[in-house]
Amino acid sequence: MASLEESAHKKLTGILSDSRISTSILAYKMLKENRYVNEAFLEMFVHYVYLMADTKLVPFHLAEIQQACGWLKDNMEELGLPDIVGKLPEEHTEYLAI
């Protein structure tokens, strides 16, 4: 499984580091993805924030990002958000409730 995560990491970092790609447009396109893709992305973001906020030693160019992640972590904990992140079963049918 480690090679699967390594491959996905390389693809994701390649996409996000390309300055020609707009992150706003990528976020807009995520609206069309299914629920599990969006939940997985949110879960990855929350884990990144927590890991970065708790890391004791970071490169100098990531110091501001670490501070922002610490602030985000504190605010997410205050709101109780990290407890609700995760893959939940979909509770919907193809019928519209009136």
PDB file of N, CA and C in Angstrom:
ATOM      1  N   MET A   1       0.808  -1.195   0.000  1.00  0.00           N
ATOM      2  CA  MET A   1       0.000   0.000   0.000  1.00  0.00           C
ATOM      3  C   MET A   1       0.857   1.267   0.000  1.00  0.00           C
ATOM      4  N   ALA A   2       2.052   1.171   0.535  1.00  0.00           N
ATOM      5  CA  ALA A   2       2.889   2.365   0.605  1.00  0.00           C
ATOM      6  C   ALA A   2       3.176   2.924  -0.786  1.00  0.00           C
ATOM      7  N   SER A   3       3.337   2.048  -1.763  1.00  0.00           N
ATOM      8  CA  SER A   3       3.615   2.545  -3.109  1.00  0.00           C
ATOM      9  C   SER A   3       2.392   3.253  -3.696  1.00  0.00           C
ATOM     10  N   LEU A   4       1.196   2.813  -3.294  1.00  0.00           N
ATOM     11  CA  LEU A   4      -0.025   3.478  -3.751  1.00  0.00           C
ATOM     12  C   LEU A   4      -0.089   4.907  -3.214  1.00  0.00           C
ATOM     13  N   GLU A   5       0.194   5.082  -1.916  1.00  0.00           N
ATOM     14  CA  GLU A   5       0.207   6.425  -1.330  1.00  0.00           C
ATOM     15  C   GLU A   5       1.317   7.276  -1.926  1.00  0.00           C
ATOM     16  N   GLU A   6       2.461   6.660  -2.193  1.00  0.00           N
ATOM     17  CA  GLU A   6       3.583   7.406  -2.779  1.00  0.00           C
ATOM     18  C   GLU A   6       3.218   7.908  -4.173  1.00  0.00           C
ATOM     19  N   SER A   7       2.578   7.070  -4.952  1.00  0.00           N
ATOM     20  CA  SER A   7       2.158   7.458  -6.297  1.00  0.00           C
ATOM     21  C   SER A   7       1.113   8.579  -6.238  1.00  0.00           C
ATOM     22  N   ALA A   8       0.143   8.441  -5.349  1.00  0.00           N
ATOM     23  CA  ALA A   8      -0.887   9.479  -5.207  1.00  0.00           C
ATOM     24  C   ALA A   8      -0.274  10.785  -4.727  1.00  0.00           C
ATOM     25  N   HIS A   9       0.691  10.694  -3.800  1.00  0.00           N
ATOM     26  CA  HIS A   9       1.363  11.895  -3.286  1.00  0.00           C
ATOM     27  C   HIS A   9       2.091  12.629  -4.404  1.00  0.00           C
ATOM     28  N   LYS A  10       2.787  11.877  -5.245  1.00  0.00           N
ATOM     29  CA  LYS A  10       3.515  12.514  -6.348  1.00  0.00           C
ATOM     30  C   LYS A  10       2.567  13.205  -7.321  1.00  0.00           C
ATOM     31  N   LYS A  11       1.431  12.562  -7.615  1.00  0.00           N
ATOM     32  CA  LYS A  11       0.462  13.175  -8.516  1.00  0.00           C
ATOM     33  C   LYS A  11      -0.125  14.447  -7.912  1.00  0.00           C
ATOM     34  N   LEU A  12      -0.506  14.364  -6.643  1.00  0.00           N
ATOM     35  CA  LEU A  12      -1.130  15.512  -5.979  1.00  0.00           C
ATOM     36  C   LEU A  12      -0.161  16.682  -5.856  1.00  0.00           C
ATOM     37  N   THR A  13       1.063  16.411  -5.440  1.00  0.00           N
ATOM     38  CA  THR A  13       2.031  17.501  -5.302  1.00  0.00           C
ATOM     39  C   THR A  13       2.410  18.066  -6.665  1.00  0.00           C
ATOM     40  N   GLY A  14       2.440  17.222  -7.676  1.00  0.00           N
ATOM     41  CA  GLY A  14       2.721  17.714  -9.022  1.00  0.00           C
ATOM     42  C   GLY A  14       1.656  18.672  -9.509  1.00  0.00           C
ATOM     43  N   ILE A  15       0.404  18.327  -9.230  1.00  0.00           N
ATOM     44  CA  ILE A  15      -0.710  19.184  -9.645  1.00  0.00           C
ATOM     45  C   ILE A  15      -0.699  20.493  -8.860  1.00  0.00           C
ATOM     46  N   LEU A  16      -0.560  20.404  -7.543  1.00  0.00           N
ATOM     47  CA  LEU A  16      -0.631  21.604  -6.707  1.00  0.00           C
ATOM     48  C   LEU A  16       0.582  22.518  -6.859  1.00  0.00           C
ATOM     49  N   SER A  17       1.707  21.962  -7.274  1.00  0.00           N
ATOM     50  CA  SER A  17       2.897  22.806  -7.423  1.00  0.00           C
ATOM     51  C   SER A  17       2.998  23.454  -8.804  1.00  0.00           C
ATOM     52  N   ASP A  18       2.140  23.061  -9.723  1.00  0.00           N
ATOM     53  CA  ASP A  18       2.151  23.646 -11.067  1.00  0.00           C
ATOM     54  C   ASP A  18       1.490  25.022 -11.010  1.00  0.00           C
ATOM     55  N   SER A  19       2.257  26.054 -11.254  1.00  0.00           N
ATOM     56  CA  SER A  19       1.755  27.427 -11.139  1.00  0.00           C
ATOM     57  C   SER A  19       0.766  27.793 -12.252  1.00  0.00           C
ATOM     58  N   ARG A  20       0.673  26.972 -13.286  1.00  0.00           N
ATOM     59  CA  ARG A  20      -0.269  27.255 -14.367  1.00  0.00           C
ATOM     60  C   ARG A  20      -1.688  26.841 -14.018  1.00  0.00           C
ATOM     61  N   ILE A  21      -1.839  26.021 -12.976  1.00  0.00           N
ATOM     62  CA  ILE A  21      -3.153  25.507 -12.593  1.00  0.00           C
ATOM     63  C   ILE A  21      -3.735  26.373 -11.494  1.00  0.00           C
ATOM     64  N   SER A  22      -4.977  26.782 -11.662  1.00  0.00           N
ATOM     65  CA  SER A  22      -5.666  27.597 -10.672  1.00  0.00           C
ATOM     66  C   SER A  22      -6.282  26.696  -9.604  1.00  0.00           C
ATOM     67  N   THR A  23      -5.940  26.920  -8.350  1.00  0.00           N
ATOM     68  CA  THR A  23      -6.532  26.135  -7.267  1.00  0.00           C
ATOM     69  C   THR A  23      -8.014  26.469  -7.109  1.00  0.00           C
ATOM     70  N   SER A  24      -8.410  27.659  -7.489  1.00  0.00           N
ATOM     71  CA  SER A  24      -9.830  28.023  -7.429  1.00  0.00           C
ATOM     72  C   SER A  24     -10.644  27.193  -8.412  1.00  0.00           C
ATOM     73  N   ILE A  25     -10.116  27.008  -9.609  1.00  0.00           N
ATOM     74  CA  ILE A  25     -10.824  26.201 -10.599  1.00  0.00           C
ATOM     75  C   ILE A  25     -10.850  24.741 -10.171  1.00  0.00           C
ATOM     76  N   LEU A  26      -9.758  24.256  -9.587  1.00  0.00           N
ATOM     77  CA  LEU A  26      -9.756  22.889  -9.082  1.00  0.00           C
ATOM     78  C   LEU A  26     -10.813  22.712  -7.989  1.00  0.00           C
ATOM     79  N   ALA A  27     -10.927  23.692  -7.106  1.00  0.00           N
ATOM     80  CA  ALA A  27     -11.941  23.626  -6.049  1.00  0.00           C
ATOM     81  C   ALA A  27     -13.342  23.634  -6.645  1.00  0.00           C
ATOM     82  N   TYR A  28     -13.559  24.440  -7.670  1.00  0.00           N
ATOM     83  CA  TYR A  28     -14.859  24.488  -8.329  1.00  0.00           C
ATOM     84  C   TYR A  28     -15.191  23.143  -8.971  1.00  0.00           C
ATOM     85  N   LYS A  29     -14.204  22.519  -9.593  1.00  0.00           N
ATOM     86  CA  LYS A  29     -14.423  21.222 -10.233  1.00  0.00           C
ATOM     87  C   LYS A  29     -14.700  20.132  -9.200  1.00  0.00           C
ATOM     88  N   MET A  30     -14.208  20.310  -7.968  1.00  0.00           N
ATOM     89  CA  MET A  30     -14.468  19.327  -6.908  1.00  0.00           C
ATOM     90  C   MET A  30     -15.946  19.273  -6.553  1.00  0.00           C
ATOM     91  N   LEU A  31     -16.692  20.323  -6.851  1.00  0.00           N
ATOM     92  CA  LEU A  31     -18.125  20.323  -6.565  1.00  0.00           C
ATOM     93  C   LEU A  31     -18.851  19.219  -7.328  1.00  0.00           C
ATOM     94  N   LYS A  32     -18.302  18.818  -8.455  1.00  0.00           N
ATOM     95  CA  LYS A  32     -18.943  17.806  -9.297  1.00  0.00           C
ATOM     96  C   LYS A  32     -18.565  16.379  -8.900  1.00  0.00           C
ATOM     97  N   GLU A  33     -17.615  16.235  -7.986  1.00  0.00           N
ATOM     98  CA  GLU A  33     -17.192  14.903  -7.561  1.00  0.00           C
ATOM     99  C   GLU A  33     -18.194  14.320  -6.571  1.00  0.00           C
ATOM    100  N   ASN A  34     -18.102  13.009  -6.367  1.00  0.00           N
ATOM    101  CA  ASN A  34     -19.032  12.389  -5.426  1.00  0.00           C
ATOM    102  C   ASN A  34     -18.650  12.705  -3.984  1.00  0.00           C
ATOM    103  N   ARG A  35     -19.511  12.350  -3.085  1.00  0.00           N
ATOM    104  CA  ARG A  35     -19.357  12.688  -1.665  1.00  0.00           C
ATOM    105  C   ARG A  35     -18.060  12.127  -1.084  1.00  0.00           C
ATOM    106  N   TYR A  36     -17.704  10.909  -1.453  1.00  0.00           N
ATOM    107  CA  TYR A  36     -16.537  10.266  -0.857  1.00  0.00           C
ATOM    108  C   TYR A  36     -15.223  10.923  -1.287  1.00  0.00           C
ATOM    109  N   VAL A  37     -15.167  11.423  -2.496  1.00  0.00           N
ATOM    110  CA  VAL A  37     -13.973  12.143  -2.945  1.00  0.00           C
ATOM    111  C   VAL A  37     -13.815  13.419  -2.126  1.00  0.00           C
ATOM    112  N   ASN A  38     -14.897  14.150  -1.938  1.00  0.00           N
ATOM    113  CA  ASN A  38     -14.831  15.388  -1.166  1.00  0.00           C
ATOM    114  C   ASN A  38     -14.507  15.117   0.300  1.00  0.00           C
ATOM    115  N   GLU A  39     -15.091  14.063   0.873  1.00  0.00           N
ATOM    116  CA  GLU A  39     -14.781  13.717   2.262  1.00  0.00           C
ATOM    117  C   GLU A  39     -13.322  13.314   2.421  1.00  0.00           C
ATOM    118  N   ALA A  40     -12.793  12.548   1.455  1.00  0.00           N
ATOM    119  CA  ALA A  40     -11.402  12.126   1.520  1.00  0.00           C
ATOM    120  C   ALA A  40     -10.465  13.329   1.433  1.00  0.00           C
ATOM    121  N   PHE A  41     -10.816  14.285   0.563  1.00  0.00           N
ATOM    122  CA  PHE A  41      -9.981  15.474   0.440  1.00  0.00           C
ATOM    123  C   PHE A  41     -10.011  16.298   1.732  1.00  0.00           C
ATOM    124  N   LEU A  42     -11.199  16.449   2.304  1.00  0.00           N
ATOM    125  CA  LEU A  42     -11.323  17.185   3.557  1.00  0.00           C
ATOM    126  C   LEU A  42     -10.578  16.477   4.686  1.00  0.00           C
ATOM    127  N   GLU A  43     -10.686  15.157   4.722  1.00  0.00           N
ATOM    128  CA  GLU A  43      -9.982  14.384   5.741  1.00  0.00           C
ATOM    129  C   GLU A  43      -8.468  14.540   5.598  1.00  0.00           C
ATOM    130  N   MET A  44      -7.971  14.515   4.362  1.00  0.00           N
ATOM    131  CA  MET A  44      -6.547  14.704   4.133  1.00  0.00           C
ATOM    132  C   MET A  44      -6.113  16.100   4.588  1.00  0.00           C
ATOM    133  N   PHE A  45      -6.932  17.111   4.290  1.00  0.00           N
ATOM    134  CA  PHE A  45      -6.612  18.478   4.697  1.00  0.00           C
ATOM    135  C   PHE A  45      -6.548  18.604   6.217  1.00  0.00           C
ATOM    136  N   VAL A  46      -7.512  18.010   6.922  1.00  0.00           N
ATOM    137  CA  VAL A  46      -7.532  18.084   8.387  1.00  0.00           C
ATOM    138  C   VAL A  46      -6.301  17.387   8.967  1.00  0.00           C
ATOM    139  N   HIS A  47      -5.943  16.223   8.409  1.00  0.00           N
ATOM    140  CA  HIS A  47      -4.742  15.528   8.892  1.00  0.00           C
ATOM    141  C   HIS A  47      -3.495  16.366   8.638  1.00  0.00           C
ATOM    142  N   TYR A  48      -3.426  17.009   7.483  1.00  0.00           N
ATOM    143  CA  TYR A  48      -2.285  17.870   7.172  1.00  0.00           C
ATOM    144  C   TYR A  48      -2.191  19.010   8.172  1.00  0.00           C
ATOM    145  N   VAL A  49      -3.310  19.646   8.469  1.00  0.00           N
ATOM    146  CA  VAL A  49      -3.319  20.758   9.422  1.00  0.00           C
ATOM    147  C   VAL A  49      -2.823  20.282  10.787  1.00  0.00           C
ATOM    148  N   TYR A  50      -3.327  19.146  11.254  1.00  0.00           N
ATOM    149  CA  TYR A  50      -2.919  18.633  12.558  1.00  0.00           C
ATOM    150  C   TYR A  50      -1.446  18.242  12.586  1.00  0.00           C
ATOM    151  N   LEU A  51      -0.978  17.559  11.538  1.00  0.00           N
ATOM    152  CA  LEU A  51       0.431  17.170  11.493  1.00  0.00           C
ATOM    153  C   LEU A  51       1.339  18.392  11.451  1.00  0.00           C
ATOM    154  N   MET A  52       0.989  19.356  10.621  1.00  0.00           N
ATOM    155  CA  MET A  52       1.822  20.544  10.500  1.00  0.00           C
ATOM    156  C   MET A  52       1.799  21.367  11.788  1.00  0.00           C
ATOM    157  N   ALA A  53       0.644  21.460  12.440  1.00  0.00           N
ATOM    158  CA  ALA A  53       0.546  22.250  13.669  1.00  0.00           C
ATOM    159  C   ALA A  53       1.338  21.616  14.805  1.00  0.00           C
ATOM    160  N   ASP A  54       1.414  20.293  14.839  1.00  0.00           N
ATOM    161  CA  ASP A  54       2.096  19.595  15.932  1.00  0.00           C
ATOM    162  C   ASP A  54       3.557  19.309  15.670  1.00  0.00           C
ATOM    163  N   THR A  55       4.023  19.540  14.447  1.00  0.00           N
ATOM    164  CA  THR A  55       5.426  19.289  14.120  1.00  0.00           C
ATOM    165  C   THR A  55       6.312  20.311  14.829  1.00  0.00           C
ATOM    166  N   LYS A  56       7.344  19.809  15.458  1.00  0.00           N
ATOM    167  CA  LYS A  56       8.234  20.689  16.242  1.00  0.00           C
ATOM    168  C   LYS A  56       9.275  21.393  15.372  1.00  0.00           C
ATOM    169  N   LEU A  57       9.692  20.751  14.297  1.00  0.00           N
ATOM    170  CA  LEU A  57      10.770  21.297  13.479  1.00  0.00           C
ATOM    171  C   LEU A  57      10.322  21.315  12.018  1.00  0.00           C
ATOM    172  N   VAL A  58      10.255  22.505  11.436  1.00  0.00           N
ATOM    173  CA  VAL A  58       9.879  22.645  10.026  1.00  0.00           C
ATOM    174  C   VAL A  58      10.905  23.517   9.317  1.00  0.00           C
ATOM    175  N   PRO A  59      11.038  23.366   8.013  1.00  0.00           N
ATOM    176  CA  PRO A  59      11.927  24.257   7.262  1.00  0.00           C
ATOM    177  C   PRO A  59      11.475  25.709   7.408  1.00  0.00           C
ATOM    178  N   PHE A  60      12.401  26.618   7.285  1.00  0.00           N
ATOM    179  CA  PHE A  60      12.123  28.039   7.489  1.00  0.00           C
ATOM    180  C   PHE A  60      11.016  28.557   6.587  1.00  0.00           C
ATOM    181  N   HIS A  61      10.983  28.090   5.336  1.00  0.00           N
ATOM    182  CA  HIS A  61       9.977  28.590   4.387  1.00  0.00           C
ATOM    183  C   HIS A  61       8.566  28.095   4.713  1.00  0.00           C
ATOM    184  N   LEU A  62       8.428  27.153   5.651  1.00  0.00           N
ATOM    185  CA  LEU A  62       7.110  26.663   6.044  1.00  0.00           C
ATOM    186  C   LEU A  62       6.663  27.190   7.411  1.00  0.00           C
ATOM    187  N   ALA A  63       7.428  28.120   7.985  1.00  0.00           N
ATOM    188  CA  ALA A  63       7.108  28.626   9.323  1.00  0.00           C
ATOM    189  C   ALA A  63       5.750  29.323   9.363  1.00  0.00           C
ATOM    190  N   GLU A  64       5.445  30.136   8.365  1.00  0.00           N
ATOM    191  CA  GLU A  64       4.156  30.826   8.341  1.00  0.00           C
ATOM    192  C   GLU A  64       3.010  29.844   8.148  1.00  0.00           C
ATOM    193  N   ILE A  65       3.238  28.819   7.341  1.00  0.00           N
ATOM    194  CA  ILE A  65       2.204  27.803   7.130  1.00  0.00           C
ATOM    195  C   ILE A  65       1.956  27.032   8.420  1.00  0.00           C
ATOM    196  N   GLN A  66       3.021  26.747   9.166  1.00  0.00           N
ATOM    197  CA  GLN A  66       2.856  26.056  10.442  1.00  0.00           C
ATOM    198  C   GLN A  66       2.048  26.913  11.426  1.00  0.00           C
ATOM    199  N   GLN A  67       2.293  28.205  11.455  1.00  0.00           N
ATOM    200  CA  GLN A  67       1.526  29.092  12.323  1.00  0.00           C
ATOM    201  C   GLN A  67       0.054  29.112  11.915  1.00  0.00           C
ATOM    202  N   ALA A  68      -0.198  29.175  10.616  1.00  0.00           N
ATOM    203  CA  ALA A  68      -1.580  29.162  10.131  1.00  0.00           C
ATOM    204  C   ALA A  68      -2.259  27.835  10.468  1.00  0.00           C
ATOM    205  N   CYS A  69      -1.535  26.733  10.349  1.00  0.00           N
ATOM    206  CA  CYS A  69      -2.095  25.427  10.693  1.00  0.00           C
ATOM    207  C   CYS A  69      -2.387  25.335  12.191  1.00  0.00           C
ATOM    208  N   GLY A  70      -1.536  25.923  13.016  1.00  0.00           N
ATOM    209  CA  GLY A  70      -1.798  25.952  14.459  1.00  0.00           C
ATOM    210  C   GLY A  70      -3.069  26.732  14.769  1.00  0.00           C
ATOM    211  N   TRP A  71      -3.241  27.850  14.089  1.00  0.00           N
ATOM    212  CA  TRP A  71      -4.451  28.649  14.272  1.00  0.00           C
ATOM    213  C   TRP A  71      -5.682  27.888  13.804  1.00  0.00           C
ATOM    214  N   LEU A  72      -5.580  27.238  12.636  1.00  0.00           N
ATOM    215  CA  LEU A  72      -6.698  26.446  12.115  1.00  0.00           C
ATOM    216  C   LEU A  72      -7.040  25.278  13.044  1.00  0.00           C
ATOM    217  N   LYS A  73      -6.016  24.624  13.563  1.00  0.00           N
ATOM    218  CA  LYS A  73      -6.243  23.496  14.479  1.00  0.00           C
ATOM    219  C   LYS A  73      -6.990  23.959  15.716  1.00  0.00           C
ATOM    220  N   ASP A  74      -6.555  25.056  16.303  1.00  0.00           N
ATOM    221  CA  ASP A  74      -7.219  25.582  17.503  1.00  0.00           C
ATOM    222  C   ASP A  74      -8.679  25.922  17.213  1.00  0.00           C
ATOM    223  N   ASN A  75      -8.926  26.548  16.073  1.00  0.00           N
ATOM    224  CA  ASN A  75     -10.295  26.921  15.718  1.00  0.00           C
ATOM    225  C   ASN A  75     -11.161  25.701  15.406  1.00  0.00           C
ATOM    226  N   MET A  76     -10.592  24.710  14.736  1.00  0.00           N
ATOM    227  CA  MET A  76     -11.361  23.498  14.445  1.00  0.00           C
ATOM    228  C   MET A  76     -11.707  22.747  15.731  1.00  0.00           C
ATOM    229  N   GLU A  77     -10.763  22.707  16.674  1.00  0.00           N
ATOM    230  CA  GLU A  77     -11.038  22.044  17.948  1.00  0.00           C
ATOM    231  C   GLU A  77     -12.101  22.801  18.736  1.00  0.00           C
ATOM    232  N   GLU A  78     -12.038  24.111  18.688  1.00  0.00           N
ATOM    233  CA  GLU A  78     -13.029  24.925  19.382  1.00  0.00           C
ATOM    234  C   GLU A  78     -14.438  24.685  18.829  1.00  0.00           C
ATOM    235  N   LEU A  79     -14.526  24.477  17.519  1.00  0.00           N
ATOM    236  CA  LEU A  79     -15.813  24.226  16.885  1.00  0.00           C
ATOM    237  C   LEU A  79     -16.220  22.752  16.929  1.00  0.00           C
ATOM    238  N   GLY A  80     -15.300  21.876  17.305  1.00  0.00           N
ATOM    239  CA  GLY A  80     -15.601  20.453  17.359  1.00  0.00           C
ATOM    240  C   GLY A  80     -15.639  19.785  16.000  1.00  0.00           C
ATOM    241  N   LEU A  81     -14.975  20.357  15.009  1.00  0.00           N
ATOM    242  CA  LEU A  81     -15.041  19.824  13.654  1.00  0.00           C
ATOM    243  C   LEU A  81     -14.232  18.550  13.413  1.00  0.00           C
ATOM    244  N   PRO A  82     -13.051  18.375  13.985  1.00  0.00           N
ATOM    245  CA  PRO A  82     -12.285  17.165  13.653  1.00  0.00           C
ATOM    246  C   PRO A  82     -13.001  15.871  14.019  1.00  0.00           C
ATOM    247  N   ASP A  83     -13.917  15.913  14.967  1.00  0.00           N
ATOM    248  CA  ASP A  83     -14.630  14.702  15.354  1.00  0.00           C
ATOM    249  C   ASP A  83     -15.614  14.236  14.302  1.00  0.00           C
ATOM    250  N   ILE A  84     -16.071  15.135  13.436  1.00  0.00           N
ATOM    251  CA  ILE A  84     -17.092  14.756  12.465  1.00  0.00           C
ATOM    252  C   ILE A  84     -16.511  14.403  11.108  1.00  0.00           C
ATOM    253  N   VAL A  85     -15.217  14.562  10.925  1.00  0.00           N
ATOM    254  CA  VAL A  85     -14.607  14.280   9.629  1.00  0.00           C
ATOM    255  C   VAL A  85     -14.384  12.781   9.494  1.00  0.00           C
ATOM    256  N   GLY A  86     -14.824  12.227   8.418  1.00  0.00           N
ATOM    257  CA  GLY A  86     -14.644  10.811   8.156  1.00  0.00           C
ATOM    258  C   GLY A  86     -15.703  10.322   7.206  1.00  0.00           C
ATOM    259  N   LYS A  87     -15.512   9.138   6.715  1.00  0.00           N
ATOM    260  CA  LYS A  87     -16.455   8.597   5.752  1.00  0.00           C
ATOM    261  C   LYS A  87     -17.676   8.049   6.480  1.00  0.00           C
ATOM    262  N   LEU A  88     -18.802   8.671   6.259  1.00  0.00           N
ATOM    263  CA  LEU A  88     -20.065   8.248   6.840  1.00  0.00           C
ATOM    264  C   LEU A  88     -20.914   7.624   5.739  1.00  0.00           C
ATOM    265  N   PRO A  89     -21.739   6.648   6.084  1.00  0.00           N
ATOM    266  CA  PRO A  89     -22.593   6.071   5.051  1.00  0.00           C
ATOM    267  C   PRO A  89     -23.601   7.088   4.539  1.00  0.00           C
ATOM    268  N   GLU A  90     -23.858   7.024   3.259  1.00  0.00           N
ATOM    269  CA  GLU A  90     -24.826   7.945   2.677  1.00  0.00           C
ATOM    270  C   GLU A  90     -26.227   7.546   3.107  1.00  0.00           C
ATOM    271  N   GLU A  91     -26.987   8.518   3.559  1.00  0.00           N
ATOM    272  CA  GLU A  91     -28.346   8.264   4.000  1.00  0.00           C
ATOM    273  C   GLU A  91     -29.309   9.029   3.087  1.00  0.00           C
ATOM    274  N   HIS A  92     -29.443   8.555   1.895  1.00  0.00           N
ATOM    275  CA  HIS A  92     -30.373   9.197   0.976  1.00  0.00           C
ATOM    276  C   HIS A  92     -30.950   8.149   0.028  1.00  0.00           C
ATOM    277  N   THR A  93     -32.044   8.488  -0.527  1.00  0.00           N
ATOM    278  CA  THR A  93     -32.663   7.615  -1.526  1.00  0.00           C
ATOM    279  C   THR A  93     -32.801   8.396  -2.809  1.00  0.00           C
ATOM    280  N   GLU A  94     -33.307   7.750  -3.816  1.00  0.00           N
ATOM    281  CA  GLU A  94     -33.502   8.442  -5.081  1.00  0.00           C
ATOM    282  C   GLU A  94     -34.824   9.198  -5.101  1.00  0.00           C
ATOM    283  N   TYR A  95     -35.562   9.162  -3.994  1.00  0.00           N
ATOM    284  CA  TYR A  95     -36.860   9.830  -3.919  1.00  0.00           C
ATOM    285  C   TYR A  95     -36.725  11.149  -3.183  1.00  0.00           C
ATOM    286  N   LEU A  96     -37.525  12.097  -3.549  1.00  0.00           N
ATOM    287  CA  LEU A  96     -37.531  13.410  -2.926  1.00  0.00           C
ATOM    288  C   LEU A  96     -38.537  13.416  -1.791  1.00  0.00           C
ATOM    289  N   ALA A  97     -38.088  13.794  -0.596  1.00  0.00           N
ATOM    290  CA  ALA A  97     -39.007  13.890   0.543  1.00  0.00           C
ATOM    291  C   ALA A  97     -39.673  15.259   0.532  1.00  0.00           C
ATOM    292  N   ILE A  98     -40.984  15.274   0.647  1.00  0.00           N
ATOM    293  CA  ILE A  98     -41.733  16.544   0.602  1.00  0.00           C
ATOM    294  C   ILE A  98     -42.267  16.853   1.976  1.00  0.00           C
TER     295      ILE A  98
END
